[in-house]
Amino acid sequence: MSGEMDKPLISHCLVDSDGNLAEAPSGAPKVGILGSGDFARSLATRLVCSGFSVVVGSRNPKRVAGLFPAAAQVTFQEEAVSSPEIIFVAVFREHYSSLCGLSDQLTGKILVDVSNPTEQEHLQYRQSNAEYLASLFPNCTVVKAFNVISAWTLQSGPRDGNRQVPICSDRPEAKRAISEMVHTMGFTPMDMGSLASSREVEAMPLRLLPGWKVPTLLALVLFVCFYAYNFLRDVLQPYVQEGKNRFYKMPVSVVNTTLPCVAYVLLSLVYLPGVLAAALQLHRGTKYHRFPDWLHQWLQHRKQIGLLSFFCAALHALYSFCLPLRRSHRYELVNLAVKQVLANKSHLWIEEEVWRMEIYLSLGVLAIGTLSLLAVTSLPSIANSLNWREFSFVQSTLGFVALVLSTLHTLTYGWTRAFEESRYKFYLPPTFTLTLLVPCVVILARGLLLLPCLSRRLARIRRGWERGSAVRFMVPTNPALVEKTSHV
């Protein structure tokens, strides 16, 4: 196989210049690799660039020799496993049995299993790939590692999200040797315990954004509900009662009306669990009782909910900029101008509406600017540069400021519309009145928690005070005992 496909993803000189690579230890051991797939080629490239001597075992070495780095020796499997003490098994589970003929040569060696099962295989087999490999080679030490690292990461170098390498094995010496190798290759080893935890390690690549499933589903449900509600009010009601065709509003106008509702409610749901947790601690008089599972999970998903809120708010801003570009908007302006001419009105200026719109836009810009700051500080690279007090100030204090600004933005948009009978289409209240319910509850609850009688008690509880568990210390009356009493 020749041509562009046999070239590595990153040139060797670029990999050699990677600053993440630690200096290889003197007298680095020879490392063997069983397999000739994409991962094996990337692994060989990374090991060679890290200063290791690599020998690759293949059933057809002449055919695959050109795909590996020139510094790597490609030979038959029997020769590849003879001298190295550490051997990477880069083959699929169904091919493990084909290696049984090498059991005598593999005795006493460290086998590093880098394979991953499919979702079907993970559910089908109770035994992990690493445990299955260990059962086939009982005289070897099996280590599970590198299964969460992609072939691209091995060639291009570790990045923030791909730096950790979980390692598990029943032999501490083997884990120590692989951990040193992981560090030399520029990654961070993470001890996951014995080989029994390899099933959990193999399940890691199968998870697709596990922390985002519930928040994303929540955002989708809110979007569908608000979109259907706005569709009834803005599209279906004029068509049924007035015979006007407003279905052109569905792609842009209705979506733009729905997005701020979703963003606003999601932002309030970020700070609602904190209020509930504080109320529970005040009620129980201690911080040492575990929260209910639903509240605990809610607290764990606040970051994802907040980022989804910012995403919806950013889309709302983009959609709002696009509103004047619509053809329907231009027609409405022309119709308004014609009506003004027919009514012999040379000057059309409503002072109240002008001020309302100016304040409304200003508060919206401030709200989305604060949300942008919250989203940026949620990134690991930024959050790691802040101490706990700074991070807490941004996420808690400024986050609550963003919620207040969003509330004022919504109230300014509503203005007096909540009291106009014409706004209740199909006897349904305006959408903004529904979105104000949860945020106003959160703001009022946070305001109550700021009262001295509650804030001081909550601060004491969070510092370890418990109701009904105060200990009284009695000073002994005997002077001899007083001298022996410690005053520390």
Protein backbone atom coordinates (compact mmCIF):
# COMPACT_ATOMS: atom_id res chain seq x y z
CA MET A 1 0.00 0.00 0.00
CA SER A 2 1.61 3.23 -1.14
CA GLY A 3 0.67 6.79 -1.80
CA GLU A 4 -1.00 9.33 0.51
CA MET A 5 -2.63 6.69 2.72
CA ASP A 6 0.67 5.40 4.08
CA LYS A 7 1.66 8.83 5.39
CA PRO A 8 1.18 9.55 9.11
CA LEU A 9 -1.38 12.12 10.20
CA ILE A 10 1.36 14.34 11.61
CA SER A 11 4.88 14.46 10.22
CA HIS A 12 7.63 12.92 12.31
CA CYS A 13 9.50 16.17 12.74
CA LEU A 14 6.37 17.79 14.15
CA VAL A 15 5.84 14.93 16.56
CA ASP A 16 9.49 15.10 17.62
CA SER A 17 9.07 18.78 18.45
CA ASP A 18 6.01 18.20 20.63
CA GLY A 19 6.64 19.87 23.97
CA ASN A 20 4.35 17.44 25.75
CA LEU A 21 6.82 14.61 25.29
CA ALA A 22 8.95 13.93 28.34
CA GLU A 23 12.52 12.80 27.92
CA ALA A 24 12.72 9.04 27.52
CA PRO A 25 14.55 7.28 30.35
CA SER A 26 18.05 6.05 29.75
CA GLY A 27 18.16 2.46 28.62
CA ALA A 28 14.49 2.44 27.64
CA PRO A 29 13.19 -1.11 27.28
CA LYS A 30 12.18 -2.62 23.98
CA VAL A 31 8.44 -2.56 23.46
CA GLY A 32 6.49 -5.02 21.37
CA ILE A 33 3.22 -4.45 19.52
CA LEU A 34 0.98 -7.26 18.28
CA GLY A 35 -1.20 -5.91 15.50
CA SER A 36 -0.87 -3.77 12.39
CA GLY A 37 -4.03 -1.66 12.38
CA ASP A 38 -4.43 2.11 12.59
CA PHE A 39 -4.05 2.21 16.36
CA ALA A 40 -0.95 0.00 16.25
CA ARG A 41 0.68 2.29 13.67
CA SER A 42 -0.10 5.42 15.70
CA LEU A 43 1.11 3.75 18.89
CA ALA A 44 4.35 2.74 17.22
CA THR A 45 4.87 6.29 15.98
CA ARG A 46 4.34 7.74 19.45
CA LEU A 47 6.60 5.19 21.13
CA VAL A 48 9.40 5.74 18.62
CA CYS A 49 9.17 9.52 19.00
CA SER A 50 9.27 9.05 22.79
CA GLY A 51 12.61 7.23 22.58
CA PHE A 52 11.48 3.61 22.86
CA SER A 53 12.72 0.75 20.75
CA VAL A 54 9.67 -0.73 19.01
CA VAL A 55 9.22 -4.11 17.39
CA VAL A 56 5.93 -4.88 15.65
CA GLY A 57 4.58 -8.39 15.19
CA SER A 58 2.40 -9.11 12.18
CA ARG A 59 1.21 -12.18 10.28
CA ASN A 60 2.37 -10.53 7.04
CA PRO A 61 5.22 -8.14 7.92
CA LYS A 62 6.28 -7.47 4.32
CA ARG A 63 2.86 -6.07 3.41
CA VAL A 64 2.58 -3.66 6.38
CA ALA A 65 6.23 -2.71 6.91
CA GLY A 66 5.88 0.48 4.86
CA LEU A 67 3.04 1.76 7.06
CA PHE A 68 5.16 1.95 10.22
CA PRO A 69 7.95 4.39 11.12
CA ALA A 70 11.34 3.49 9.71
CA ALA A 71 12.76 3.21 13.25
CA ALA A 72 10.26 0.47 14.16
CA GLN A 73 11.16 -3.12 13.39
CA VAL A 74 8.34 -5.06 11.70
CA THR A 75 8.64 -8.82 11.86
CA PHE A 76 6.64 -11.97 12.52
CA GLN A 77 4.70 -12.32 15.78
CA GLU A 78 6.98 -15.05 17.14
CA GLU A 79 10.07 -12.87 16.78
CA ALA A 80 8.32 -9.73 18.04
CA VAL A 81 7.42 -11.22 21.44
CA SER A 82 10.74 -12.91 22.14
CA SER A 83 12.80 -10.03 23.59
CA PRO A 84 10.41 -7.25 24.81
CA GLU A 85 9.11 -7.40 28.36
CA ILE A 86 6.16 -5.11 27.61
CA ILE A 87 3.90 -6.06 24.71
CA PHE A 88 0.87 -4.10 23.49
CA VAL A 89 -1.97 -6.31 22.27
CA ALA A 90 -3.60 -4.17 19.57
CA VAL A 91 -6.00 -6.77 18.12
CA PHE A 92 -9.73 -7.30 18.52
CA ARG A 93 -11.18 -9.65 21.13
CA GLU A 94 -12.22 -12.28 18.57
CA HIS A 95 -8.55 -12.62 17.51
CA TYR A 96 -7.18 -13.21 21.01
CA SER A 97 -7.40 -16.99 20.55
CA SER A 98 -5.06 -16.77 17.53
CA LEU A 99 -2.30 -15.65 19.92
CA CYS A 100 -2.51 -18.77 22.08
CA GLY A 101 0.33 -20.30 20.09
CA LEU A 102 2.61 -17.66 21.63
CA SER A 103 1.74 -18.54 25.23
CA ASP A 104 5.15 -20.10 25.98
CA GLN A 105 7.03 -17.06 24.68
CA LEU A 106 4.70 -14.67 26.50
CA THR A 107 5.18 -16.28 29.92
CA GLY A 108 6.14 -13.71 32.55
CA LYS A 109 5.67 -10.72 30.24
CA ILE A 110 3.40 -7.69 30.61
CA LEU A 111 0.52 -7.61 28.15
CA VAL A 112 -1.12 -4.21 27.66
CA ASP A 113 -4.68 -4.57 26.37
CA VAL A 114 -5.73 -1.51 24.38
CA SER A 115 -8.94 -2.89 22.84
CA ASN A 116 -12.48 -1.58 23.23
CA PRO A 117 -15.70 -3.57 22.90
CA THR A 118 -18.70 -2.40 20.95
CA GLU A 119 -21.88 -1.57 22.83
CA GLN A 120 -23.32 -4.93 21.83
CA GLU A 121 -20.21 -6.80 22.99
CA HIS A 122 -20.13 -4.86 26.26
CA LEU A 123 -23.69 -5.98 27.01
CA GLN A 124 -23.15 -9.50 25.71
CA TYR A 125 -20.00 -10.43 27.64
CA ARG A 126 -19.84 -10.21 31.41
CA GLN A 127 -16.07 -10.52 31.26
CA SER A 128 -14.10 -7.54 30.02
CA ASN A 129 -11.62 -7.85 27.16
CA ALA A 130 -8.69 -7.50 29.55
CA GLU A 131 -10.06 -10.19 31.90
CA TYR A 132 -10.66 -12.49 28.93
CA LEU A 133 -7.08 -11.92 27.77
CA ALA A 134 -5.83 -12.69 31.28
CA SER A 135 -7.78 -15.97 31.30
CA LEU A 136 -6.12 -17.02 28.02
CA PHE A 137 -2.64 -16.17 29.30
CA PRO A 138 -2.60 -16.95 33.04
CA ASN A 139 1.22 -16.81 33.16
CA CYS A 140 1.26 -13.20 31.98
CA THR A 141 0.48 -9.92 33.70
CA VAL A 142 -2.32 -8.11 31.90
CA VAL A 143 -2.65 -4.31 32.15
CA LYS A 144 -5.60 -2.35 30.76
CA ALA A 145 -4.46 1.01 29.35
CA PHE A 146 -4.62 3.38 26.36
CA ASN A 147 -8.13 2.29 25.35
CA VAL A 148 -9.51 5.83 25.83
CA ILE A 149 -6.82 7.40 23.60
CA SER A 150 -7.55 7.75 19.89
CA ALA A 151 -5.09 7.10 17.09
CA TRP A 152 -5.17 10.79 16.19
CA THR A 153 -4.24 11.82 19.73
CA LEU A 154 -1.30 9.41 19.73
CA GLN A 155 0.10 11.03 16.61
CA SER A 156 -0.77 14.68 17.21
CA GLY A 157 0.03 14.69 20.93
CA PRO A 158 -2.10 14.87 24.08
CA ARG A 159 -4.51 17.72 24.66
CA ASP A 160 -6.53 18.80 27.71
CA GLY A 161 -9.42 16.38 27.21
CA ASN A 162 -7.24 13.46 26.03
CA ARG A 163 -4.38 13.60 28.49
CA GLN A 164 -5.48 11.09 31.13
CA VAL A 165 -4.83 7.37 30.61
CA PRO A 166 -6.72 5.05 33.00
CA ILE A 167 -4.62 2.06 34.06
CA CYS A 168 -5.72 -1.04 35.95
CA SER A 169 -3.96 -4.31 36.77
CA ASP A 170 -3.59 -6.85 39.57
CA ARG A 171 0.18 -6.29 39.77
CA PRO A 172 1.41 -2.96 41.21
CA GLU A 173 4.83 -3.40 39.56
CA ALA A 174 3.23 -3.72 36.14
CA LYS A 175 1.07 -0.64 36.72
CA ARG A 176 4.13 1.27 37.82
CA ALA A 177 6.05 0.31 34.67
CA ILE A 178 3.15 1.27 32.38
CA SER A 179 2.60 4.52 34.31
CA GLU A 180 6.22 5.52 33.71
CA MET A 181 5.79 4.74 30.02
CA VAL A 182 2.56 6.77 29.89
CA HIS A 183 4.31 9.75 31.47
CA THR A 184 7.21 9.46 29.05
CA MET A 185 4.77 9.54 26.12
CA GLY A 186 3.37 12.85 27.40
CA PHE A 187 0.15 11.59 29.00
CA THR A 188 -1.04 11.48 32.59
CA PRO A 189 -1.52 8.03 34.16
CA MET A 190 -4.61 7.48 36.29
CA ASP A 191 -4.65 4.44 38.57
CA MET A 192 -8.04 2.70 38.39
CA GLY A 193 -7.20 -0.18 40.71
CA SER A 194 -7.26 -3.88 39.97
CA LEU A 195 -8.07 -5.61 36.70
CA ALA A 196 -11.64 -6.11 37.91
CA SER A 197 -12.28 -2.44 37.13
CA SER A 198 -11.29 -2.93 33.49
CA ARG A 199 -14.94 -3.37 32.54
CA GLU A 200 -15.61 0.15 33.80
CA VAL A 201 -12.55 1.45 31.95
CA GLU A 202 -13.72 -0.20 28.72
CA ALA A 203 -17.15 1.42 29.14
CA MET A 204 -15.65 4.94 29.13
CA PRO A 205 -15.32 5.29 25.33
CA LEU A 206 -18.88 3.98 24.89
CA ARG A 207 -20.37 6.91 26.76
CA LEU A 208 -21.46 9.77 24.54
CA LEU A 209 -21.53 12.94 26.65
CA PRO A 210 -23.06 11.24 29.72
CA GLY A 211 -23.38 14.50 31.64
CA TRP A 212 -25.30 16.16 28.82
CA LYS A 213 -28.14 13.70 28.21
CA VAL A 214 -30.51 14.94 30.92
CA PRO A 215 -29.84 18.69 30.38
CA THR A 216 -30.18 18.32 26.60
CA LEU A 217 -33.42 16.40 26.97
CA LEU A 218 -34.70 19.06 29.36
CA ALA A 219 -33.82 21.83 26.89
CA LEU A 220 -35.52 19.98 24.03
CA VAL A 221 -38.68 19.42 26.06
CA LEU A 222 -38.81 23.09 27.02
CA PHE A 223 -38.23 24.15 23.43
CA VAL A 224 -41.00 21.90 22.09
CA CYS A 225 -43.46 23.06 24.75
CA PHE A 226 -42.77 26.77 24.28
CA TYR A 227 -42.70 26.43 20.49
CA ALA A 228 -46.10 24.74 20.49
CA TYR A 229 -47.47 27.41 22.85
CA ASN A 230 -46.16 30.25 20.67
CA PHE A 231 -47.42 28.51 17.54
CA LEU A 232 -50.92 28.41 18.99
CA ARG A 233 -50.85 32.10 19.90
CA ASP A 234 -48.98 33.66 16.95
CA VAL A 235 -49.87 31.41 14.02
CA LEU A 236 -52.92 29.28 14.67
CA GLN A 237 -55.05 31.91 16.44
CA PRO A 238 -54.89 34.49 13.60
CA TYR A 239 -55.63 31.75 11.07
CA VAL A 240 -58.65 30.38 12.94
CA GLN A 241 -60.25 33.56 14.23
CA GLU A 242 -59.16 36.15 11.66
CA GLY A 243 -58.40 34.06 8.55
CA LYS A 244 -54.85 35.45 8.29
CA ASN A 245 -52.04 33.24 7.02
CA ARG A 246 -49.12 33.66 9.46
CA PHE A 247 -47.42 30.31 8.86
CA TYR A 248 -44.39 32.11 7.41
CA LYS A 249 -43.47 32.99 11.01
CA MET A 250 -42.66 29.40 11.92
CA PRO A 251 -38.99 29.24 10.75
CA VAL A 252 -37.75 32.51 12.27
CA SER A 253 -40.24 34.51 14.29
CA VAL A 254 -41.71 31.69 16.37
CA VAL A 255 -38.26 30.18 16.94
CA ASN A 256 -36.92 33.57 18.03
CA THR A 257 -39.81 33.92 20.47
CA THR A 258 -39.17 30.44 21.87
CA LEU A 259 -35.38 30.61 22.33
CA PRO A 260 -35.34 33.36 25.02
CA CYS A 261 -38.04 31.50 26.96
CA VAL A 262 -35.92 28.35 27.01
CA ALA A 263 -32.72 30.25 27.89
CA TYR A 264 -34.46 32.15 30.69
CA VAL A 265 -36.04 29.09 32.28
CA LEU A 266 -32.82 27.06 31.99
CA LEU A 267 -30.87 29.85 33.70
CA SER A 268 -33.34 29.89 36.57
CA LEU A 269 -33.04 26.09 36.84
CA VAL A 270 -29.30 26.52 37.39
CA TYR A 271 -29.87 28.38 40.68
CA LEU A 272 -33.09 26.74 41.84
CA PRO A 273 -31.37 23.57 43.20
CA GLY A 274 -29.02 25.72 45.30
CA VAL A 275 -32.04 27.38 46.90
CA LEU A 276 -33.64 23.99 47.56
CA ALA A 277 -30.40 22.66 49.05
CA ALA A 278 -30.12 25.66 51.38
CA ALA A 279 -33.74 25.23 52.46
CA LEU A 280 -33.11 21.56 53.24
CA GLN A 281 -30.04 22.39 55.31
CA LEU A 282 -31.96 25.02 57.27
CA HIS A 283 -34.82 22.58 57.85
CA ARG A 284 -32.56 19.73 58.96
CA GLY A 285 -30.17 21.95 60.92
CA THR A 286 -27.11 20.14 59.54
CA LYS A 287 -25.09 19.75 56.37
CA TYR A 288 -24.18 16.12 56.98
CA HIS A 289 -27.44 14.60 55.70
CA ARG A 290 -27.28 13.49 52.10
CA PHE A 291 -29.49 15.32 49.60
CA PRO A 292 -32.13 13.29 47.75
CA ASP A 293 -30.80 11.62 44.61
CA TRP A 294 -32.85 13.82 42.30
CA LEU A 295 -31.48 16.98 43.93
CA HIS A 296 -27.93 15.60 43.93
CA GLN A 297 -28.13 14.85 40.20
CA TRP A 298 -29.66 18.27 39.59
CA LEU A 299 -26.74 19.96 41.35
CA GLN A 300 -24.28 17.90 39.28
CA HIS A 301 -25.85 19.05 36.00
CA ARG A 302 -25.90 22.79 36.69
CA LYS A 303 -22.87 23.50 34.48
CA GLN A 304 -24.40 21.79 31.46
CA ILE A 305 -27.76 23.50 32.01
CA GLY A 306 -26.04 26.88 32.21
CA LEU A 307 -24.11 26.31 28.98
CA LEU A 308 -27.30 25.29 27.20
CA SER A 309 -28.93 28.46 28.50
CA PHE A 310 -26.10 30.53 27.04
CA PHE A 311 -26.40 28.63 23.74
CA CYS A 312 -30.10 29.43 23.46
CA ALA A 313 -29.49 33.06 24.42
CA ALA A 314 -26.76 33.39 21.78
CA LEU A 315 -29.07 31.92 19.13
CA HIS A 316 -31.77 34.37 20.23
CA ALA A 317 -29.36 37.27 19.70
CA LEU A 318 -28.43 36.00 16.21
CA TYR A 319 -32.06 35.47 15.24
CA SER A 320 -32.90 38.99 16.48
CA PHE A 321 -30.22 40.48 14.23
CA CYS A 322 -31.75 38.59 11.29
CA LEU A 323 -35.30 39.85 11.89
CA PRO A 324 -34.89 43.08 9.84
CA LEU A 325 -33.51 41.04 6.91
CA ARG A 326 -36.76 39.16 6.41
CA ARG A 327 -38.88 40.04 3.38
CA SER A 328 -42.00 39.99 5.54
CA HIS A 329 -40.49 42.66 7.80
CA ARG A 330 -39.90 44.94 4.80
CA TYR A 331 -43.49 44.50 3.67
CA GLU A 332 -44.72 45.37 7.15
CA LEU A 333 -42.66 48.58 7.14
CA VAL A 334 -44.09 49.56 3.75
CA ASN A 335 -47.63 48.83 4.91
CA LEU A 336 -47.06 50.88 8.05
CA ALA A 337 -45.78 53.81 5.96
CA VAL A 338 -48.79 53.60 3.66
CA LYS A 339 -51.18 53.61 6.62
CA GLN A 340 -49.37 56.61 8.05
CA VAL A 341 -49.76 58.52 4.76
CA LEU A 342 -53.43 57.61 4.43
CA ALA A 343 -54.05 58.77 7.99
CA ASN A 344 -52.36 62.12 7.22
CA LYS A 345 -49.86 61.62 10.03
CA SER A 346 -46.56 63.23 9.19
CA HIS A 347 -44.91 62.38 12.46
CA LEU A 348 -45.32 59.04 14.26
CA TRP A 349 -43.43 58.92 17.55
CA ILE A 350 -44.51 57.14 20.73
CA GLU A 351 -42.22 58.21 23.55
CA GLU A 352 -43.14 55.33 25.84
CA GLU A 353 -42.40 52.68 23.19
CA VAL A 354 -39.07 54.30 22.32
CA TRP A 355 -37.90 54.23 25.93
CA ARG A 356 -39.19 50.71 26.43
CA MET A 357 -37.27 49.38 23.45
CA GLU A 358 -34.06 51.21 24.41
CA ILE A 359 -34.13 49.80 27.95
CA TYR A 360 -35.17 46.38 26.67
CA LEU A 361 -32.20 46.12 24.28
CA SER A 362 -29.72 47.49 26.81
CA LEU A 363 -30.74 44.95 29.46
CA GLY A 364 -30.59 42.16 26.88
CA VAL A 365 -27.03 43.07 25.89
CA LEU A 366 -25.96 43.19 29.53
CA ALA A 367 -27.61 39.85 30.25
CA ILE A 368 -26.01 38.01 27.34
CA GLY A 369 -22.65 39.63 28.15
CA THR A 370 -22.81 38.30 31.69
CA LEU A 371 -23.86 34.89 30.41
CA SER A 372 -20.85 34.93 28.07
CA LEU A 373 -18.57 35.51 31.05
CA LEU A 374 -20.18 32.60 32.88
CA ALA A 375 -19.75 30.34 29.87
CA VAL A 376 -16.09 31.29 29.39
CA THR A 377 -15.21 30.65 33.04
CA SER A 378 -16.82 27.22 32.74
CA LEU A 379 -14.08 26.13 30.34
CA PRO A 380 -11.44 24.00 32.11
CA SER A 381 -8.55 26.10 30.80
CA ILE A 382 -10.08 29.26 32.32
CA ALA A 383 -11.51 27.67 35.46
CA ASN A 384 -8.13 26.16 36.35
CA SER A 385 -6.57 29.63 36.41
CA LEU A 386 -9.05 30.92 39.01
CA ASN A 387 -8.99 30.21 42.71
CA TRP A 388 -12.10 28.94 44.45
CA ARG A 389 -13.24 32.36 45.64
CA GLU A 390 -12.93 33.89 42.17
CA PHE A 391 -14.72 30.97 40.53
CA SER A 392 -17.49 31.06 43.14
CA PHE A 393 -17.92 34.81 42.68
CA VAL A 394 -18.29 34.51 38.92
CA GLN A 395 -20.56 31.46 38.91
CA SER A 396 -22.71 32.39 41.91
CA THR A 397 -22.77 36.17 42.26
CA LEU A 398 -22.46 37.16 38.61
CA GLY A 399 -24.75 34.29 37.67
CA PHE A 400 -27.44 35.65 39.94
CA VAL A 401 -26.85 39.11 38.43
CA ALA A 402 -27.40 37.58 34.99
CA LEU A 403 -30.68 36.09 36.22
CA VAL A 404 -31.82 39.48 37.56
CA LEU A 405 -30.85 41.22 34.30
CA SER A 406 -32.75 38.59 32.32
CA THR A 407 -35.77 39.14 34.54
CA LEU A 408 -35.66 42.90 33.99
CA HIS A 409 -35.19 42.28 30.28
CA THR A 410 -38.33 40.12 30.24
CA LEU A 411 -40.34 42.57 32.33
CA THR A 412 -39.37 45.44 30.04
CA TYR A 413 -40.44 43.39 27.05
CA GLY A 414 -43.80 42.70 28.67
CA TRP A 415 -44.28 46.23 30.03
CA THR A 416 -48.08 46.63 30.29
CA ARG A 417 -48.93 43.85 27.85
CA ALA A 418 -49.85 41.45 30.62
CA PHE A 419 -52.83 43.68 31.46
CA GLU A 420 -54.14 44.05 27.90
CA GLU A 421 -57.08 41.85 26.99
CA SER A 422 -55.99 41.56 23.37
CA ARG A 423 -52.81 39.75 24.43
CA TYR A 424 -54.74 36.74 25.75
CA LYS A 425 -55.20 34.81 22.52
CA PHE A 426 -57.26 31.64 22.83
CA TYR A 427 -57.54 32.77 26.46
CA LEU A 428 -53.84 31.90 26.84
CA PRO A 429 -51.62 34.37 28.75
CA PRO A 430 -48.58 35.89 27.00
CA THR A 431 -45.54 33.63 26.93
CA PHE A 432 -43.35 35.95 28.97
CA THR A 433 -45.74 35.71 31.92
CA LEU A 434 -45.18 31.95 32.06
CA THR A 435 -41.41 32.27 31.89
CA LEU A 436 -41.39 34.68 34.84
CA LEU A 437 -42.79 32.14 37.30
CA VAL A 438 -39.70 30.05 38.11
CA PRO A 439 -37.12 32.90 37.93
CA CYS A 440 -39.19 35.13 40.23
CA VAL A 441 -39.46 32.28 42.76
CA VAL A 442 -35.67 31.84 42.65
CA ILE A 443 -35.00 35.56 43.06
CA LEU A 444 -37.43 35.88 45.98
CA ALA A 445 -35.98 32.79 47.67
CA ARG A 446 -32.42 34.10 47.24
CA GLY A 447 -33.55 37.40 48.70
CA LEU A 448 -35.00 35.64 51.74
CA LEU A 449 -31.77 33.72 52.25
CA LEU A 450 -29.91 37.03 52.41
CA LEU A 451 -31.83 38.05 55.54
CA PRO A 452 -29.48 38.09 58.56
CA CYS A 453 -31.55 35.62 60.55
CA LEU A 454 -31.30 33.02 57.78
CA SER A 455 -27.91 33.84 56.27
CA ARG A 456 -26.10 33.61 59.63
CA ARG A 457 -27.76 30.33 60.50
CA LEU A 458 -26.97 28.89 57.09
CA ALA A 459 -23.35 30.02 57.36
CA ARG A 460 -23.03 28.29 60.75
CA ILE A 461 -24.51 25.08 59.38
CA ARG A 462 -22.10 25.07 56.44
CA ARG A 463 -19.21 25.58 58.84
CA GLY A 464 -20.13 22.37 60.67
CA TRP A 465 -22.69 23.49 63.29
CA GLU A 466 -25.52 21.05 63.96
CA ARG A 467 -28.79 21.69 65.70
CA GLY A 468 -29.23 19.80 68.98
CA SER A 469 -25.67 18.49 69.09
CA ALA A 470 -23.93 21.22 71.10
CA VAL A 471 -21.37 19.91 73.60
CA ARG A 472 -20.96 21.64 76.96
CA PHE A 473 -17.57 21.64 78.69
CA MET A 474 -17.59 21.79 82.51
CA VAL A 475 -14.62 23.19 84.37
CA PRO A 476 -13.69 20.80 87.23
CA THR A 477 -14.01 22.24 90.74
CA ASN A 478 -11.05 20.29 92.11
CA PRO A 479 -7.93 22.53 91.92
CA ALA A 480 -5.75 19.48 91.31
CA LEU A 481 -7.80 18.56 88.25
CA VAL A 482 -7.79 22.15 87.03
CA GLU A 483 -3.99 22.05 86.75
CA LYS A 484 -4.21 18.86 84.66
CA THR A 485 -6.91 20.22 82.36
CA SER A 486 -5.72 21.19 78.88
CA HIS A 487 -6.80 24.66 77.71
CA VAL A 488 -5.98 24.04 74.04
